[in-house]
Amino acid sequence: MRYFLVKLYLANTFIRALKKLETWEKTATEAAIKKMMQKNYTNSLNEEKIHNDFYSARVNLDLRIIYKEYEYVWALVYI
């Protein structure tokens, strides 16, 4: 498994939304973030470009992570 160096910033909106999730949803979100950090992950995250540098990554059928991507900086905005 290969990881690349990236800085993660968590927006207040992301943290507030994360606190509202059930324990199993938080665990799934953490696993999805770890997959995002890998460069050789499968299409299981189904990443989609939303607008300009904003992307959406699927955690499961009900949850998606919304984030803004710079070169090596990701700002997790909402889930």
N, C-alpha and C. Protein backbone atom coordinates (compact mmCIF):
# COMPACT_ATOMS: atom_id res chain seq x y z
N MET A 1 0.84 -1.16 0.00
CA MET A 1 0.00 0.00 0.00
C MET A 1 0.90 1.24 0.00
N ARG A 2 0.65 2.15 -0.90
CA ARG A 2 1.44 3.37 -0.98
C ARG A 2 0.59 4.56 -0.57
N TYR A 3 1.20 5.42 0.21
CA TYR A 3 0.57 6.67 0.61
C TYR A 3 1.40 7.81 0.07
N PHE A 4 0.79 8.93 -0.18
CA PHE A 4 1.54 10.10 -0.56
C PHE A 4 1.28 11.18 0.48
N LEU A 5 2.21 12.09 0.58
CA LEU A 5 2.13 13.13 1.60
C LEU A 5 1.09 14.16 1.22
N VAL A 6 0.11 14.32 2.06
CA VAL A 6 -0.95 15.29 1.80
C VAL A 6 -1.37 15.89 3.14
N LYS A 7 -1.70 17.16 3.13
CA LYS A 7 -2.20 17.81 4.33
C LYS A 7 -3.72 17.77 4.28
N LEU A 8 -4.33 17.38 5.38
CA LEU A 8 -5.78 17.36 5.49
C LEU A 8 -6.23 18.47 6.42
N TYR A 9 -7.17 19.25 5.98
CA TYR A 9 -7.80 20.25 6.81
C TYR A 9 -9.27 19.87 6.97
N LEU A 10 -9.76 19.94 8.18
CA LEU A 10 -11.15 19.62 8.45
C LEU A 10 -11.91 20.90 8.74
N ALA A 11 -12.88 21.20 7.91
CA ALA A 11 -13.70 22.38 8.13
C ALA A 11 -14.65 22.14 9.30
N ASN A 12 -15.08 23.21 9.94
CA ASN A 12 -16.03 23.11 11.05
C ASN A 12 -17.30 22.40 10.61
N THR A 13 -17.72 22.64 9.39
CA THR A 13 -18.94 21.99 8.88
C THR A 13 -18.76 20.48 8.80
N PHE A 14 -17.56 20.03 8.43
CA PHE A 14 -17.27 18.60 8.36
C PHE A 14 -17.29 17.98 9.75
N ILE A 15 -16.65 18.65 10.70
CA ILE A 15 -16.58 18.14 12.07
C ILE A 15 -17.97 18.07 12.71
N ARG A 16 -18.77 19.10 12.51
CA ARG A 16 -20.14 19.09 13.06
C ARG A 16 -20.97 17.97 12.46
N ALA A 17 -20.87 17.77 11.16
CA ALA A 17 -21.62 16.70 10.50
C ALA A 17 -21.12 15.33 10.95
N LEU A 18 -19.81 15.19 11.14
CA LEU A 18 -19.23 13.92 11.59
C LEU A 18 -19.73 13.54 12.98
N LYS A 19 -19.88 14.52 13.84
CA LYS A 19 -20.35 14.27 15.21
C LYS A 19 -21.78 13.72 15.23
N LYS A 20 -22.56 14.02 14.22
CA LYS A 20 -23.95 13.58 14.16
C LYS A 20 -24.11 12.14 13.65
N LEU A 21 -23.03 11.57 13.12
CA LEU A 21 -23.11 10.23 12.53
C LEU A 21 -23.11 9.15 13.60
N GLU A 22 -23.65 8.00 13.21
CA GLU A 22 -23.59 6.82 14.07
C GLU A 22 -22.15 6.30 14.08
N THR A 23 -21.83 5.46 15.06
CA THR A 23 -20.47 4.94 15.20
C THR A 23 -20.00 4.20 13.96
N TRP A 24 -20.87 3.35 13.39
CA TRP A 24 -20.47 2.59 12.20
C TRP A 24 -20.25 3.51 11.00
N GLU A 25 -20.98 4.63 10.94
CA GLU A 25 -20.80 5.58 9.85
C GLU A 25 -19.47 6.33 10.00
N LYS A 26 -19.11 6.64 11.24
CA LYS A 26 -17.82 7.29 11.50
C LYS A 26 -16.67 6.36 11.10
N THR A 27 -16.81 5.08 11.41
CA THR A 27 -15.79 4.10 11.05
C THR A 27 -15.66 3.99 9.54
N ALA A 28 -16.78 3.98 8.85
CA ALA A 28 -16.77 3.91 7.38
C ALA A 28 -16.14 5.17 6.78
N THR A 29 -16.41 6.31 7.39
CA THR A 29 -15.84 7.57 6.92
C THR A 29 -14.32 7.57 7.09
N GLU A 30 -13.86 7.09 8.23
CA GLU A 30 -12.41 7.00 8.47
C GLU A 30 -11.75 6.08 7.45
N ALA A 31 -12.38 4.96 7.15
CA ALA A 31 -11.84 4.03 6.16
C ALA A 31 -11.80 4.68 4.77
N ALA A 32 -12.82 5.46 4.44
CA ALA A 32 -12.85 6.13 3.14
C ALA A 32 -11.75 7.17 3.03
N ILE A 33 -11.50 7.89 4.12
CA ILE A 33 -10.44 8.89 4.11
C ILE A 33 -9.09 8.21 3.92
N LYS A 34 -8.89 7.06 4.55
CA LYS A 34 -7.65 6.31 4.37
C LYS A 34 -7.50 5.86 2.92
N LYS A 35 -8.61 5.44 2.30
CA LYS A 35 -8.57 5.05 0.89
C LYS A 35 -8.23 6.24 0.01
N MET A 36 -8.75 7.42 0.37
CA MET A 36 -8.46 8.62 -0.40
C MET A 36 -6.97 8.95 -0.36
N MET A 37 -6.31 8.60 0.74
CA MET A 37 -4.89 8.91 0.90
C MET A 37 -4.01 7.99 0.04
N GLN A 38 -4.58 6.88 -0.44
CA GLN A 38 -3.84 5.95 -1.30
C GLN A 38 -3.97 6.40 -2.75
N LYS A 39 -2.94 6.25 -3.47
CA LYS A 39 -3.02 6.60 -4.89
C LYS A 39 -3.51 5.43 -5.74
N ASN A 40 -3.41 4.21 -5.25
CA ASN A 40 -3.76 3.04 -6.06
C ASN A 40 -5.05 2.37 -5.57
N TYR A 41 -6.00 3.17 -5.08
CA TYR A 41 -7.26 2.58 -4.63
C TYR A 41 -8.15 2.26 -5.82
N THR A 42 -9.15 1.45 -5.57
CA THR A 42 -10.07 1.08 -6.64
C THR A 42 -11.11 2.18 -6.82
N ASN A 43 -12.06 1.95 -7.67
CA ASN A 43 -13.11 2.93 -7.92
C ASN A 43 -14.20 2.90 -6.87
N SER A 44 -13.96 2.25 -5.74
CA SER A 44 -15.00 2.11 -4.72
C SER A 44 -15.44 3.46 -4.16
N LEU A 45 -14.60 4.48 -4.24
CA LEU A 45 -14.98 5.80 -3.73
C LEU A 45 -15.81 6.59 -4.73
N ASN A 46 -15.78 6.19 -5.98
CA ASN A 46 -16.58 6.84 -7.02
C ASN A 46 -16.46 8.35 -6.95
N GLU A 47 -15.24 8.86 -7.03
CA GLU A 47 -15.01 10.30 -6.94
C GLU A 47 -15.60 11.02 -8.15
N GLU A 48 -16.21 12.15 -7.89
CA GLU A 48 -16.80 12.97 -8.95
C GLU A 48 -16.42 14.42 -8.73
N LYS A 49 -16.12 15.09 -9.82
CA LYS A 49 -15.84 16.52 -9.73
C LYS A 49 -17.18 17.26 -9.68
N ILE A 50 -17.32 18.11 -8.68
CA ILE A 50 -18.58 18.84 -8.51
C ILE A 50 -18.50 20.19 -9.20
N HIS A 51 -17.51 20.98 -8.79
CA HIS A 51 -17.36 22.33 -9.33
C HIS A 51 -15.93 22.78 -9.08
N ASN A 52 -15.27 23.28 -10.09
CA ASN A 52 -13.88 23.73 -10.00
C ASN A 52 -13.02 22.70 -9.27
N ASP A 53 -12.55 23.01 -8.07
CA ASP A 53 -11.68 22.10 -7.32
C ASP A 53 -12.44 21.31 -6.26
N PHE A 54 -13.76 21.32 -6.29
CA PHE A 54 -14.55 20.58 -5.31
C PHE A 54 -14.88 19.20 -5.86
N TYR A 55 -14.73 18.20 -4.98
CA TYR A 55 -14.98 16.82 -5.35
C TYR A 55 -15.89 16.15 -4.34
N SER A 56 -16.47 15.05 -4.76
CA SER A 56 -17.31 14.22 -3.90
C SER A 56 -16.78 12.80 -3.97
N ALA A 57 -16.63 12.16 -2.79
CA ALA A 57 -16.17 10.77 -2.74
C ALA A 57 -17.18 9.96 -1.94
N ARG A 58 -17.56 8.80 -2.46
CA ARG A 58 -18.58 7.99 -1.82
C ARG A 58 -18.00 7.20 -0.65
N VAL A 59 -18.65 7.32 0.51
CA VAL A 59 -18.31 6.51 1.68
C VAL A 59 -19.11 5.22 1.62
N ASN A 60 -20.41 5.36 1.44
CA ASN A 60 -21.32 4.23 1.23
C ASN A 60 -22.50 4.75 0.42
N LEU A 61 -23.57 4.01 0.36
CA LEU A 61 -24.70 4.44 -0.46
C LEU A 61 -25.37 5.70 0.06
N ASP A 62 -25.23 5.97 1.35
CA ASP A 62 -25.90 7.13 1.95
C ASP A 62 -24.98 8.31 2.23
N LEU A 63 -23.69 8.10 2.28
CA LEU A 63 -22.76 9.16 2.69
C LEU A 63 -21.74 9.47 1.60
N ARG A 64 -21.43 10.75 1.47
CA ARG A 64 -20.38 11.21 0.57
C ARG A 64 -19.55 12.26 1.29
N ILE A 65 -18.27 12.26 1.01
CA ILE A 65 -17.37 13.29 1.54
C ILE A 65 -17.21 14.36 0.48
N ILE A 66 -17.46 15.59 0.85
CA ILE A 66 -17.27 16.73 -0.06
C ILE A 66 -15.95 17.38 0.35
N TYR A 67 -15.06 17.56 -0.61
CA TYR A 67 -13.76 18.14 -0.28
C TYR A 67 -13.26 19.01 -1.42
N LYS A 68 -12.35 19.91 -1.06
CA LYS A 68 -11.69 20.77 -2.04
C LYS A 68 -10.25 20.32 -2.11
N GLU A 69 -9.76 20.15 -3.32
CA GLU A 69 -8.42 19.63 -3.52
C GLU A 69 -7.51 20.68 -4.14
N TYR A 70 -6.38 20.88 -3.49
CA TYR A 70 -5.31 21.68 -4.05
C TYR A 70 -4.23 20.69 -4.45
N GLU A 71 -3.00 21.11 -4.67
CA GLU A 71 -1.96 20.16 -5.08
C GLU A 71 -1.78 19.04 -4.06
N TYR A 72 -1.32 19.37 -2.90
CA TYR A 72 -1.13 18.36 -1.84
C TYR A 72 -1.87 18.76 -0.58
N VAL A 73 -2.96 19.45 -0.74
CA VAL A 73 -3.79 19.88 0.39
C VAL A 73 -5.23 19.54 0.07
N TRP A 74 -5.89 18.86 1.00
CA TRP A 74 -7.30 18.56 0.87
C TRP A 74 -8.03 19.19 2.03
N ALA A 75 -9.09 19.88 1.74
CA ALA A 75 -9.94 20.45 2.79
C ALA A 75 -11.25 19.69 2.77
N LEU A 76 -11.49 18.89 3.81
CA LEU A 76 -12.74 18.15 3.91
C LEU A 76 -13.80 19.12 4.39
N VAL A 77 -14.81 19.33 3.57
CA VAL A 77 -15.79 20.38 3.81
C VAL A 77 -17.05 19.86 4.47
N TYR A 78 -17.56 18.73 4.00
CA TYR A 78 -18.84 18.24 4.52
C TYR A 78 -18.97 16.75 4.26
N ILE A 79 -19.82 16.11 5.03
CA ILE A 79 -20.13 14.70 4.80
C ILE A 79 -21.63 14.51 4.87
